[in-house]
Amino acid sequence: MSVAAQVDVVVAPVFGTNCCVVAAPGSGVRDCVVVDAGAGVADGVARVVEERRLRPRAVLATHGHADHTWDAAELCERYDVPMWMHAADVYRLDDPFGTLVSGAGAAAVSSALGRELAALGFAPEAYRAPKPVEGFETRGGSADLTFGAVTLRAVHAPGHTQGSTLYLLDPPGSDGGAAGRGGTGEDARTGGRTTTGAEADAATPDSAPSGIVLTGDVLFAGSIGRTDLPGGDDATMRATLSDVVARLDPGLAVVPGHGPTTTVERELATNPYLR
């Protein structure tokens, strides 16, 4: 397999969000983007950037829930880069808790998030919205986003939220390589602390993956994202699963928003929500 984009995962201490540092291939100083900057990942991301000799170009989010955007403001300021996400979820950045206070189960999630943040020293009232923010559209269902030498294909996948997005690394026609060519990082990091490569690669396939897709809270190993929060919709999620997820290349490695990595092939065969 020809290795293209490299992915390092920094696991947030709050809700275990998988924050991905996606770097361009090559040697020397390389461009990168940060996807899903959950609470408490900023220092871990900074260590990855320094160790890998990376140059951040943007912070992205798969959707607008606070556990995927909490440290975005700090990283945008630290590296003087913009925040990018689907336009349909941009409104959430200014009021992360207010967008979780209606609908079945929403109050409990907002309260649980607040408690966990406070318990780990992240005062909910200290949240800051990232600036500047660029909201992208996905006409026809997808859009290619290029940040220096890093190109991702943003695929609209609503259901968990209105603007939920999958990110395919090195889409066809980009300078980064053929569809889905990619390499996972050598390790995963929890709160900036390195875990073993075996643990990081435990759910990867026996053969080399055809590429990587970051699925946020749309698809997990053995499950999917909930639809009972504000902006979620069960019928929309079912359509996303059948029309978007089920049509992904089965050889893609999946890095979800929470939990272990998996593959599209494995989820198509075993995930009860895709059968």
Protein backbone atom coordinates (compact mmCIF):
# COMPACT_ATOMS: atom_id res chain seq x y z
CA MET A 1 0.00 0.00 0.00
CA SER A 2 1.25 3.46 -0.84
CA VAL A 3 0.95 5.48 2.36
CA ALA A 4 -0.64 8.91 2.12
CA ALA A 5 -2.21 10.83 5.00
CA GLN A 6 -1.07 9.94 8.50
CA VAL A 7 -3.50 9.97 11.43
CA ASP A 8 -2.61 10.33 15.10
CA VAL A 9 -5.44 10.04 17.62
CA VAL A 10 -5.55 12.03 20.85
CA VAL A 11 -8.32 10.72 23.10
CA ALA A 12 -10.06 13.43 25.12
CA PRO A 13 -10.46 12.87 28.88
CA VAL A 14 -14.06 14.10 28.59
CA PHE A 15 -16.41 11.58 26.94
CA GLY A 16 -13.41 9.88 25.26
CA THR A 17 -13.69 11.85 22.04
CA ASN A 18 -11.23 10.73 19.37
CA CYS A 19 -9.41 13.85 18.18
CA CYS A 20 -7.54 13.14 14.94
CA VAL A 21 -4.42 14.92 13.74
CA VAL A 22 -4.37 14.31 9.98
CA ALA A 23 -0.99 15.01 8.40
CA ALA A 24 0.15 15.14 4.79
CA PRO A 25 2.64 12.49 3.66
CA GLY A 26 6.31 13.18 3.22
CA SER A 27 9.23 14.25 5.35
CA GLY A 28 10.27 17.51 6.92
CA VAL A 29 7.68 20.02 8.04
CA ARG A 30 4.25 18.81 6.90
CA ASP A 31 0.80 20.36 6.80
CA CYS A 32 -1.93 18.95 9.04
CA VAL A 33 -5.48 19.53 10.20
CA VAL A 34 -7.04 18.72 13.57
CA VAL A 35 -10.47 17.06 13.57
CA ASP A 36 -12.80 17.03 16.62
CA ALA A 37 -10.93 18.99 19.28
CA GLY A 38 -12.64 17.62 22.39
CA ALA A 39 -12.11 18.94 25.91
CA GLY A 40 -8.57 18.45 27.14
CA VAL A 41 -6.82 17.53 23.90
CA ALA A 42 -4.97 20.78 23.17
CA ASP A 43 -1.72 19.86 24.90
CA GLY A 44 -1.74 16.35 23.41
CA VAL A 45 -2.30 17.80 19.95
CA ALA A 46 0.58 20.22 20.53
CA ARG A 47 2.88 17.32 21.39
CA VAL A 48 1.90 15.48 18.21
CA VAL A 49 2.48 18.63 16.16
CA GLU A 50 5.93 19.13 17.68
CA GLU A 51 7.04 15.49 17.50
CA ARG A 52 5.84 15.01 13.93
CA ARG A 53 7.10 18.44 12.79
CA LEU A 54 3.64 19.49 11.61
CA ARG A 55 2.15 22.81 10.53
CA PRO A 56 -1.58 23.06 11.44
CA ARG A 57 -3.71 24.58 8.70
CA ALA A 58 -7.20 24.30 10.21
CA VAL A 59 -9.34 22.80 12.94
CA LEU A 60 -12.36 20.84 11.70
CA ALA A 61 -15.33 19.17 13.39
CA THR A 62 -17.47 16.25 12.31
CA HIS A 63 -20.40 17.99 14.04
CA GLY A 64 -21.12 20.76 16.48
CA HIS A 65 -21.57 19.01 19.83
CA ALA A 66 -19.39 20.45 22.59
CA ASP A 67 -17.48 17.22 23.21
CA HIS A 68 -16.09 17.58 19.67
CA THR A 69 -15.39 21.33 19.71
CA TRP A 70 -14.42 22.30 23.28
CA ASP A 71 -10.70 22.89 22.65
CA ALA A 72 -11.18 24.29 19.14
CA ALA A 73 -10.89 27.91 20.28
CA GLU A 74 -7.57 27.26 22.05
CA LEU A 75 -6.11 25.44 19.04
CA CYS A 76 -7.34 28.06 16.56
CA GLU A 77 -5.67 30.77 18.63
CA ARG A 78 -2.49 28.81 19.28
CA TYR A 79 -1.88 28.12 15.60
CA ASP A 80 -3.71 31.12 14.09
CA VAL A 81 -5.98 28.93 11.98
CA PRO A 82 -9.73 28.91 11.23
CA MET A 83 -12.39 26.48 12.36
CA TRP A 84 -14.22 24.60 9.58
CA MET A 85 -17.43 22.60 9.81
CA HIS A 86 -20.65 22.01 7.91
CA ALA A 87 -22.70 25.20 7.76
CA ALA A 88 -25.75 23.44 9.22
CA ASP A 89 -23.99 22.97 12.59
CA VAL A 90 -22.16 26.29 12.90
CA TYR A 91 -24.91 27.75 15.11
CA ARG A 92 -24.02 25.25 17.85
CA LEU A 93 -20.59 26.79 18.45
CA ASP A 94 -21.97 29.91 20.14
CA ASP A 95 -24.20 28.01 22.58
CA PRO A 96 -23.05 24.39 23.06
CA PHE A 97 -25.23 23.74 26.10
CA GLY A 98 -28.22 25.70 24.88
CA THR A 99 -28.39 23.49 21.79
CA LEU A 100 -28.69 20.43 24.07
CA VAL A 101 -31.60 21.47 26.29
CA SER A 102 -34.65 20.31 24.37
CA GLY A 103 -35.82 16.97 23.11
CA ALA A 104 -35.90 13.51 24.68
CA GLY A 105 -32.74 12.75 26.63
CA ALA A 106 -31.14 16.09 25.84
CA ALA A 107 -31.25 17.56 29.35
CA ALA A 108 -29.57 14.45 30.77
CA VAL A 109 -26.78 14.63 28.18
CA SER A 110 -26.22 18.34 28.79
CA SER A 111 -26.11 17.75 32.55
CA ALA A 112 -23.77 14.76 32.23
CA LEU A 113 -21.43 16.72 29.97
CA GLY A 114 -21.38 19.61 32.41
CA ARG A 115 -20.64 17.31 35.36
CA GLU A 116 -17.83 15.49 33.57
CA LEU A 117 -16.28 18.74 32.39
CA ALA A 118 -16.39 20.20 35.90
CA ALA A 119 -15.02 17.01 37.49
CA LEU A 120 -11.97 17.19 35.23
CA GLY A 121 -11.37 20.88 35.80
CA PHE A 122 -13.11 22.26 32.72
CA ALA A 123 -15.58 24.86 33.98
CA PRO A 124 -18.59 24.86 31.61
CA GLU A 125 -18.82 28.64 31.89
CA ALA A 126 -15.23 28.91 30.62
CA TYR A 127 -16.18 27.65 27.15
CA ARG A 128 -15.16 29.92 24.28
CA ALA A 129 -16.40 29.72 20.71
CA PRO A 130 -13.62 29.35 18.12
CA LYS A 131 -12.93 32.18 15.70
CA PRO A 132 -12.84 32.60 12.78
CA VAL A 133 -15.34 29.98 11.62
CA GLU A 134 -15.87 28.83 8.05
CA GLY A 135 -19.09 26.95 7.35
CA PHE A 136 -18.91 24.82 4.22
CA GLU A 137 -21.76 23.50 2.07
CA THR A 138 -21.89 20.06 0.46
CA ARG A 139 -23.75 20.57 -2.79
CA GLY A 140 -24.48 17.17 -4.26
CA GLY A 141 -23.69 15.58 -0.91
CA SER A 142 -19.95 16.17 -0.68
CA ALA A 143 -17.20 18.76 -1.01
CA ASP A 144 -13.41 18.50 -1.26
CA LEU A 145 -11.59 20.64 1.29
CA THR A 146 -7.91 21.45 0.80
CA PHE A 147 -5.66 22.89 3.50
CA GLY A 148 -2.14 23.22 2.14
CA ALA A 149 -1.06 19.68 1.26
CA VAL A 150 -3.99 18.02 3.08
CA THR A 151 -7.20 17.23 1.20
CA LEU A 152 -10.29 15.67 2.74
CA ARG A 153 -13.66 14.89 1.20
CA ALA A 154 -16.48 16.10 3.42
CA VAL A 155 -19.58 13.91 3.00
CA HIS A 156 -22.81 15.19 4.51
CA ALA A 157 -24.24 12.53 6.83
CA PRO A 158 -27.10 14.09 8.86
CA GLY A 159 -29.14 12.29 11.47
CA HIS A 160 -27.12 12.70 14.67
CA THR A 161 -27.11 16.44 13.95
CA GLN A 162 -28.14 18.45 10.91
CA GLY A 163 -24.54 19.07 9.85
CA SER A 164 -22.90 15.75 10.74
CA THR A 165 -20.08 15.01 8.32
CA LEU A 166 -17.82 12.12 7.36
CA TYR A 167 -14.28 12.96 6.29
CA LEU A 168 -12.62 10.74 3.68
CA LEU A 169 -8.85 11.12 3.53
CA ASP A 170 -7.12 11.61 0.16
CA PRO A 171 -10.21 11.48 -2.07
CA PRO A 172 -9.95 10.63 -5.78
CA GLY A 173 -8.33 13.36 -7.85
CA SER A 174 -6.55 15.02 -4.93
CA ASP A 175 -2.79 15.40 -4.83
CA GLY A 176 -2.68 13.20 -1.73
CA GLY A 177 -3.38 9.95 -3.55
CA ALA A 178 -6.08 7.62 -4.75
CA ALA A 179 -9.38 7.09 -3.00
CA GLY A 180 -8.86 6.15 0.59
CA ARG A 181 -5.11 5.55 0.53
CA GLY A 182 -3.93 6.35 4.00
CA GLY A 183 -1.84 5.31 6.94
CA THR A 184 -2.80 5.28 10.60
CA GLY A 185 -0.40 6.86 13.04
CA GLU A 186 2.04 4.70 14.98
CA ASP A 187 0.22 5.25 18.25
CA ALA A 188 -2.89 6.57 19.91
CA ARG A 189 -2.71 9.16 22.65
CA THR A 190 -5.00 9.54 25.65
CA GLY A 191 -4.99 13.08 26.96
CA GLY A 192 -1.63 13.46 25.25
CA ARG A 193 -0.17 10.29 26.82
CA THR A 194 0.99 7.60 24.42
CA THR A 195 -0.74 4.22 24.52
CA THR A 196 0.61 1.10 22.85
CA GLY A 197 0.54 0.64 19.12
CA ALA A 198 -1.14 -2.73 19.64
CA GLU A 199 -4.00 -1.05 21.45
CA ALA A 200 -4.27 1.60 18.76
CA ASP A 201 -4.34 -0.98 15.98
CA ALA A 202 -6.46 -3.60 17.75
CA ALA A 203 -9.46 -3.10 15.50
CA THR A 204 -7.68 -2.63 12.18
CA PRO A 205 -8.08 -5.29 9.48
CA ASP A 206 -5.58 -8.08 8.83
CA SER A 207 -4.85 -6.67 5.37
CA ALA A 208 -3.94 -3.06 4.70
CA PRO A 209 -7.01 -0.80 4.53
CA SER A 210 -7.89 0.94 1.29
CA GLY A 211 -8.12 4.20 3.19
CA ILE A 212 -9.51 6.00 6.20
CA VAL A 213 -12.85 7.61 6.98
CA LEU A 214 -13.49 9.72 10.09
CA THR A 215 -17.13 9.12 11.01
CA GLY A 216 -17.69 11.31 14.06
CA ASP A 217 -20.86 10.26 15.87
CA VAL A 218 -22.54 8.79 12.78
CA LEU A 219 -20.93 5.34 12.94
CA PHE A 220 -19.21 3.53 15.82
CA ALA A 221 -17.84 0.02 16.17
CA GLY A 222 -21.03 -1.99 16.59
CA SER A 223 -23.34 0.98 16.96
CA ILE A 224 -24.39 4.40 15.64
CA GLY A 225 -24.93 7.88 17.04
CA ARG A 226 -28.08 8.71 18.95
CA THR A 227 -30.86 10.65 17.26
CA ASP A 228 -32.88 11.89 20.25
CA LEU A 229 -30.90 15.09 20.80
CA PRO A 230 -31.89 18.45 19.28
CA GLY A 231 -31.19 18.38 15.54
CA GLY A 232 -31.16 14.60 15.47
CA ASP A 233 -33.68 12.67 13.43
CA ASP A 234 -34.17 8.91 13.25
CA ALA A 235 -35.53 8.81 9.70
CA THR A 236 -32.70 11.02 8.48
CA MET A 237 -30.14 8.79 10.19
CA ARG A 238 -31.64 5.69 8.58
CA ALA A 239 -31.33 7.37 5.18
CA THR A 240 -27.71 8.31 5.91
CA LEU A 241 -26.89 4.74 6.91
CA SER A 242 -28.42 3.24 3.77
CA ASP A 243 -27.49 5.91 1.23
CA VAL A 244 -24.09 7.07 2.53
CA VAL A 245 -22.50 4.66 5.01
CA ALA A 246 -23.56 1.44 3.28
CA ARG A 247 -22.07 2.71 0.01
CA LEU A 248 -18.62 3.42 1.42
CA ASP A 249 -15.68 1.35 0.21
CA PRO A 250 -15.72 -1.76 2.45
CA GLY A 251 -11.93 -1.61 2.68
CA LEU A 252 -11.92 1.70 4.52
CA ALA A 253 -10.64 1.82 8.08
CA VAL A 254 -13.09 3.70 10.31
CA VAL A 255 -11.97 6.11 13.02
CA PRO A 256 -15.18 6.98 14.88
CA GLY A 257 -15.82 9.92 17.18
CA HIS A 258 -15.63 7.66 20.24
CA GLY A 259 -14.36 4.16 20.87
CA PRO A 260 -12.15 1.75 18.93
CA THR A 261 -11.35 1.82 15.25
CA THR A 262 -13.09 -0.63 12.93
CA THR A 263 -13.67 -1.11 9.19
CA VAL A 264 -16.62 -0.47 6.91
CA GLU A 265 -16.54 -4.14 5.94
CA ARG A 266 -16.80 -5.27 9.54
CA GLU A 267 -19.64 -2.89 10.32
CA LEU A 268 -21.62 -3.91 7.22
CA ALA A 269 -21.32 -7.53 8.35
CA THR A 270 -21.91 -7.17 12.09
CA ASN A 271 -23.40 -3.80 13.04
CA PRO A 272 -27.10 -4.38 13.79
CA TYR A 273 -28.01 -0.92 12.50
CA LEU A 274 -26.55 -1.70 9.05
CA ARG A 275 -28.02 -5.15 8.52
